[in-house]
Amino acid sequence: MSEQSPNMVALMEHAAKALVENQAEVLVESFDEDGEIVLELTVAEDDMGRIIGCQGRTARALRHLLRAAGAKTNRRYELEILE
Protein backbone atom coordinates (compact mmCIF):
# COMPACT_ATOMS: atom_id res chain seq x y z
CA MET A 1 0.00 0.00 0.00
CA SER A 2 1.43 3.38 -0.96
CA GLU A 3 1.67 6.38 1.27
CA GLN A 4 -1.09 8.18 -0.68
CA SER A 5 -3.53 5.28 -0.49
CA PRO A 6 -4.98 6.11 2.95
CA ASN A 7 -5.74 9.65 1.74
CA MET A 8 -7.69 8.27 -1.22
CA VAL A 9 -9.51 5.90 1.10
CA ALA A 10 -10.45 8.85 3.31
CA LEU A 11 -11.56 10.82 0.25
CA MET A 12 -13.89 8.04 -0.93
CA GLU A 13 -15.20 7.44 2.60
CA HIS A 14 -15.99 11.12 3.00
CA ALA A 15 -17.73 11.35 -0.39
CA ALA A 16 -19.75 8.16 0.19
CA LYS A 17 -20.80 9.17 3.70
CA ALA A 18 -22.10 12.46 2.33
CA LEU A 19 -24.38 10.54 -0.05
CA VAL A 20 -25.82 7.77 2.12
CA GLU A 21 -28.20 7.71 5.08
CA ASN A 22 -26.51 4.89 7.01
CA GLN A 23 -22.99 6.30 7.37
CA ALA A 24 -21.85 3.61 9.81
CA GLU A 25 -22.11 0.96 7.06
CA VAL A 26 -19.69 2.73 4.69
CA LEU A 27 -16.46 0.77 4.31
CA VAL A 28 -13.59 1.46 1.90
CA GLU A 29 -10.71 -0.98 1.56
CA SER A 30 -7.72 -0.68 -0.75
CA PHE A 31 -5.29 -3.15 -2.26
CA ASP A 32 -2.67 -3.14 -5.00
CA GLU A 33 -3.45 -5.09 -8.18
CA ASP A 34 -0.98 -5.04 -11.09
CA GLY A 35 0.37 -1.57 -10.32
CA GLU A 36 -3.11 -0.13 -9.87
CA ILE A 37 -4.66 0.61 -6.50
CA VAL A 38 -8.19 -0.75 -6.26
CA LEU A 39 -10.60 0.74 -3.75
CA GLU A 40 -13.60 -1.38 -2.81
CA LEU A 41 -16.60 0.57 -1.55
CA THR A 42 -19.24 -1.25 0.49
CA VAL A 43 -22.44 0.44 1.69
CA ALA A 44 -25.73 -0.71 3.20
CA GLU A 45 -28.12 -2.39 0.79
CA ASP A 46 -30.67 0.42 1.24
CA ASP A 47 -28.06 3.01 0.19
CA MET A 48 -26.83 1.22 -2.94
CA GLY A 49 -29.15 3.26 -5.17
CA ARG A 50 -27.82 6.49 -3.72
CA ILE A 51 -24.23 5.49 -4.51
CA ILE A 52 -24.97 4.28 -8.04
CA GLY A 53 -27.36 7.11 -8.87
CA CYS A 54 -29.65 7.58 -11.84
CA GLN A 55 -28.17 5.66 -14.77
CA GLY A 56 -24.91 5.31 -12.84
CA ARG A 57 -24.10 9.02 -12.83
CA THR A 58 -23.13 9.21 -9.16
CA ALA A 59 -20.86 6.16 -9.41
CA ARG A 60 -19.26 7.62 -12.53
CA ALA A 61 -18.69 10.93 -10.73
CA LEU A 62 -17.04 9.15 -7.79
CA ARG A 63 -14.74 7.31 -10.22
CA HIS A 64 -13.83 10.56 -11.99
CA LEU A 65 -13.07 12.20 -8.65
CA LEU A 66 -10.79 9.33 -7.70
CA ARG A 67 -8.97 9.34 -11.04
CA ALA A 68 -8.46 13.11 -10.90
CA ALA A 69 -7.02 12.89 -7.39
CA GLY A 70 -4.84 9.98 -8.53
CA ALA A 71 -3.51 11.96 -11.49
CA LYS A 72 -2.12 14.48 -9.06
CA THR A 73 -0.05 11.74 -7.38
CA ASN A 74 0.78 9.91 -10.65
CA ARG A 75 -0.99 6.74 -9.48
CA ARG A 76 -3.85 4.81 -11.06
CA TYR A 77 -6.87 4.17 -8.88
CA GLU A 78 -9.95 2.10 -9.61
CA LEU A 79 -13.21 2.18 -7.65
CA GLU A 80 -15.26 -0.99 -7.32
CA ILE A 81 -18.68 -0.76 -5.70
CA LEU A 82 -19.50 -4.04 -3.97
CA GLU A 83 -23.01 -5.27 -3.24
C-alpha atoms as a PDB file:
ATOM      1  CA  MET A   1       0.000   0.000   0.000  1.00  0.00           C
ATOM      2  CA  SER A   2       1.429   3.376  -0.959  1.00  0.00           C
ATOM      3  CA  GLU A   3       1.670   6.378   1.273  1.00  0.00           C
ATOM      4  CA  GLN A   4      -1.086   8.185  -0.683  1.00  0.00           C
ATOM      5  CA  SER A   5      -3.530   5.283  -0.487  1.00  0.00           C
ATOM      6  CA  PRO A   6      -4.984   6.111   2.955  1.00  0.00           C
ATOM      7  CA  ASN A   7      -5.742   9.645   1.739  1.00  0.00           C
ATOM      8  CA  MET A   8      -7.688   8.274  -1.216  1.00  0.00           C
ATOM      9  CA  VAL A   9      -9.511   5.896   1.100  1.00  0.00           C
ATOM     10  CA  ALA A  10     -10.453   8.851   3.313  1.00  0.00           C
ATOM     11  CA  LEU A  11     -11.565  10.817   0.249  1.00  0.00           C
ATOM     12  CA  MET A  12     -13.886   8.039  -0.930  1.00  0.00           C
ATOM     13  CA  GLU A  13     -15.197   7.438   2.603  1.00  0.00           C
ATOM     14  CA  HIS A  14     -15.989  11.123   3.005  1.00  0.00           C
ATOM     15  CA  ALA A  15     -17.727  11.352  -0.387  1.00  0.00           C
ATOM     16  CA  ALA A  16     -19.745   8.158   0.188  1.00  0.00           C
ATOM     17  CA  LYS A  17     -20.799   9.167   3.704  1.00  0.00           C
ATOM     18  CA  ALA A  18     -22.101  12.456   2.328  1.00  0.00           C
ATOM     19  CA  LEU A  19     -24.379  10.537  -0.054  1.00  0.00           C
ATOM     20  CA  VAL A  20     -25.820   7.774   2.119  1.00  0.00           C
ATOM     21  CA  GLU A  21     -28.203   7.715   5.077  1.00  0.00           C
ATOM     22  CA  ASN A  22     -26.513   4.889   7.009  1.00  0.00           C
ATOM     23  CA  GLN A  23     -22.988   6.298   7.372  1.00  0.00           C
ATOM     24  CA  ALA A  24     -21.854   3.610   9.813  1.00  0.00           C
ATOM     25  CA  GLU A  25     -22.111   0.964   7.064  1.00  0.00           C
ATOM     26  CA  VAL A  26     -19.686   2.730   4.685  1.00  0.00           C
ATOM     27  CA  LEU A  27     -16.459   0.768   4.309  1.00  0.00           C
ATOM     28  CA  VAL A  28     -13.593   1.461   1.899  1.00  0.00           C
ATOM     29  CA  GLU A  29     -10.707  -0.981   1.560  1.00  0.00           C
ATOM     30  CA  SER A  30      -7.719  -0.683  -0.751  1.00  0.00           C
ATOM     31  CA  PHE A  31      -5.291  -3.146  -2.261  1.00  0.00           C
ATOM     32  CA  ASP A  32      -2.673  -3.137  -5.001  1.00  0.00           C
ATOM     33  CA  GLU A  33      -3.446  -5.087  -8.177  1.00  0.00           C
ATOM     34  CA  ASP A  34      -0.977  -5.044 -11.094  1.00  0.00           C
ATOM     35  CA  GLY A  35       0.368  -1.570 -10.316  1.00  0.00           C
ATOM     36  CA  GLU A  36      -3.114  -0.125  -9.869  1.00  0.00           C
ATOM     37  CA  ILE A  37      -4.659   0.606  -6.500  1.00  0.00           C
ATOM     38  CA  VAL A  38      -8.192  -0.746  -6.265  1.00  0.00           C
ATOM     39  CA  LEU A  39     -10.603   0.740  -3.752  1.00  0.00           C
ATOM     40  CA  GLU A  40     -13.599  -1.385  -2.806  1.00  0.00           C
ATOM     41  CA  LEU A  41     -16.602   0.565  -1.549  1.00  0.00           C
ATOM     42  CA  THR A  42     -19.238  -1.247   0.487  1.00  0.00           C
ATOM     43  CA  VAL A  43     -22.443   0.442   1.694  1.00  0.00           C
ATOM     44  CA  ALA A  44     -25.733  -0.707   3.199  1.00  0.00           C
ATOM     45  CA  GLU A  45     -28.123  -2.387   0.790  1.00  0.00           C
ATOM     46  CA  ASP A  46     -30.668   0.418   1.238  1.00  0.00           C
ATOM     47  CA  ASP A  47     -28.058   3.010   0.193  1.00  0.00           C
ATOM     48  CA  MET A  48     -26.833   1.216  -2.936  1.00  0.00           C
ATOM     49  CA  GLY A  49     -29.148   3.256  -5.166  1.00  0.00           C
ATOM     50  CA  ARG A  50     -27.820   6.494  -3.719  1.00  0.00           C
ATOM     51  CA  ILE A  51     -24.226   5.495  -4.514  1.00  0.00           C
ATOM     52  CA  ILE A  52     -24.972   4.278  -8.036  1.00  0.00           C
ATOM     53  CA  GLY A  53     -27.359   7.111  -8.873  1.00  0.00           C
ATOM     54  CA  CYS A  54     -29.654   7.580 -11.836  1.00  0.00           C
ATOM     55  CA  GLN A  55     -28.167   5.662 -14.775  1.00  0.00           C
ATOM     56  CA  GLY A  56     -24.908   5.312 -12.840  1.00  0.00           C
ATOM     57  CA  ARG A  57     -24.103   9.015 -12.827  1.00  0.00           C
ATOM     58  CA  THR A  58     -23.131   9.211  -9.161  1.00  0.00           C
ATOM     59  CA  ALA A  59     -20.860   6.158  -9.406  1.00  0.00           C
ATOM     60  CA  ARG A  60     -19.264   7.618 -12.535  1.00  0.00           C
ATOM     61  CA  ALA A  61     -18.693  10.927 -10.734  1.00  0.00           C
ATOM     62  CA  LEU A  62     -17.035   9.150  -7.791  1.00  0.00           C
ATOM     63  CA  ARG A  63     -14.735   7.312 -10.215  1.00  0.00           C
ATOM     64  CA  HIS A  64     -13.831  10.560 -11.993  1.00  0.00           C
ATOM     65  CA  LEU A  65     -13.071  12.204  -8.650  1.00  0.00           C
ATOM     66  CA  LEU A  66     -10.786   9.329  -7.700  1.00  0.00           C
ATOM     67  CA  ARG A  67      -8.973   9.341 -11.044  1.00  0.00           C
ATOM     68  CA  ALA A  68      -8.463  13.109 -10.898  1.00  0.00           C
ATOM     69  CA  ALA A  69      -7.017  12.886  -7.394  1.00  0.00           C
ATOM     70  CA  GLY A  70      -4.836   9.984  -8.531  1.00  0.00           C
ATOM     71  CA  ALA A  71      -3.512  11.956 -11.492  1.00  0.00           C
ATOM     72  CA  LYS A  72      -2.118  14.476  -9.059  1.00  0.00           C
ATOM     73  CA  THR A  73      -0.049  11.740  -7.384  1.00  0.00           C
ATOM     74  CA  ASN A  74       0.783   9.908 -10.654  1.00  0.00           C
ATOM     75  CA  ARG A  75      -0.993   6.743  -9.476  1.00  0.00           C
ATOM     76  CA  ARG A  76      -3.851   4.808 -11.062  1.00  0.00           C
ATOM     77  CA  TYR A  77      -6.871   4.170  -8.884  1.00  0.00           C
ATOM     78  CA  GLU A  78      -9.948   2.100  -9.612  1.00  0.00           C
ATOM     79  CA  LEU A  79     -13.208   2.182  -7.655  1.00  0.00           C
ATOM     80  CA  GLU A  80     -15.262  -0.987  -7.316  1.00  0.00           C
ATOM     81  CA  ILE A  81     -18.681  -0.761  -5.696  1.00  0.00           C
ATOM     82  CA  LEU A  82     -19.499  -4.041  -3.971  1.00  0.00           C
ATOM     83  CA  GLU A  83     -23.006  -5.271  -3.239  1.00  0.00           C
END
